Amino acid sequence: MSGLTIFFTILQVLSGLAVTVIVLMHSGKSAGLSGSISGGAETFLSKGKAKSLDAKLAKATKWFALAFVLLTLILNLI
């Protein structure tokens, strides 16, 4: 294995771990429903923060997944 292959493999493992962690950090689709049924008092500002956090997590997921796919293709070509 060359140094370049090892470098890209380490990057691929790190991006795969990042995608896994970011996906696990997403709030579930049922989080809003269970909060409304159990009487959770969410203010307008806290809902905006949650949506912006979810939007940031979605964007990060897309970029890390793209990096993972590109690294997989690069490693396949090497």
Protein backbone atom coordinates (compact mmCIF):
# COMPACT_ATOMS: atom_id res chain seq x y z
CA MET A 1 0.00 0.00 0.00
CA SER A 2 1.34 3.36 -0.93
CA GLY A 3 1.21 6.40 1.29
CA LEU A 4 -1.42 8.01 -0.90
CA THR A 5 -3.72 5.01 -0.58
CA ILE A 6 -3.34 5.01 3.19
CA PHE A 7 -4.07 8.75 3.30
CA PHE A 8 -7.26 8.40 1.24
CA THR A 9 -8.34 5.35 3.28
CA ILE A 10 -7.99 7.30 6.53
CA LEU A 11 -9.98 10.17 5.03
CA GLN A 12 -12.66 7.75 3.88
CA VAL A 13 -12.97 6.16 7.32
CA LEU A 14 -13.20 9.58 8.96
CA SER A 15 -15.86 10.78 6.52
CA GLY A 16 -17.84 7.57 7.04
CA LEU A 17 -17.72 8.05 10.80
CA ALA A 18 -18.74 11.70 10.38
CA VAL A 19 -21.76 10.73 8.26
CA THR A 20 -22.79 8.15 10.87
CA VAL A 21 -22.50 10.59 13.77
CA ILE A 22 -24.29 13.39 11.94
CA VAL A 23 -27.17 11.13 10.90
CA LEU A 24 -27.56 9.96 14.49
CA MET A 25 -27.68 13.59 15.64
CA HIS A 26 -30.72 14.35 13.43
CA SER A 27 -33.97 14.75 15.31
CA GLY A 28 -36.51 12.12 14.45
CA LYS A 29 -39.66 12.84 12.49
CA SER A 30 -41.78 11.84 15.50
CA ALA A 31 -40.02 14.25 17.90
CA GLY A 32 -42.50 17.02 17.18
CA LEU A 33 -45.53 14.77 17.56
CA SER A 34 -44.45 13.29 20.89
CA GLY A 35 -43.67 16.75 22.23
CA SER A 36 -47.13 18.03 21.35
CA ILE A 37 -48.89 14.99 22.81
CA SER A 38 -46.94 15.04 26.08
CA GLY A 39 -47.57 18.76 26.46
CA GLY A 40 -44.05 19.99 25.81
CA ALA A 41 -44.07 23.78 25.81
CA GLU A 42 -41.89 24.91 22.93
CA THR A 43 -41.63 28.56 22.18
CA PHE A 44 -41.44 30.03 18.72
CA LEU A 45 -37.72 30.75 19.16
CA SER A 46 -36.82 27.21 20.19
CA LYS A 47 -38.62 25.83 17.13
CA GLY A 48 -36.57 28.12 14.91
CA LYS A 49 -33.35 26.94 16.53
CA ALA A 50 -34.29 23.31 16.01
CA LYS A 51 -35.04 23.89 12.34
CA SER A 52 -31.80 25.72 11.77
CA LEU A 53 -29.86 22.97 13.54
CA ASP A 54 -31.63 20.34 11.46
CA ALA A 55 -30.88 22.33 8.32
CA LYS A 56 -27.19 22.54 9.24
CA LEU A 57 -27.09 18.82 9.99
CA ALA A 58 -28.76 18.04 6.66
CA LYS A 59 -26.23 20.18 4.80
CA ALA A 60 -23.32 18.58 6.65
CA THR A 61 -24.71 15.12 5.88
CA LYS A 62 -24.83 15.90 2.17
CA TRP A 63 -21.25 17.21 2.08
CA PHE A 64 -19.74 14.37 4.10
CA ALA A 65 -21.67 11.79 2.07
CA LEU A 66 -20.39 13.38 -1.14
CA ALA A 67 -16.84 13.28 0.23
CA PHE A 68 -17.30 9.62 1.15
CA VAL A 69 -18.50 8.73 -2.36
CA LEU A 70 -15.69 10.66 -4.03
CA LEU A 71 -13.07 9.06 -1.79
CA THR A 72 -14.52 5.64 -2.59
CA LEU A 73 -14.22 6.35 -6.31
CA ILE A 74 -10.67 7.66 -5.92
CA LEU A 75 -9.62 4.59 -3.95
CA ASN A 76 -11.17 2.36 -6.58
CA LEU A 77 -9.17 4.07 -9.34
CA ILE A 78 -5.85 3.93 -7.47
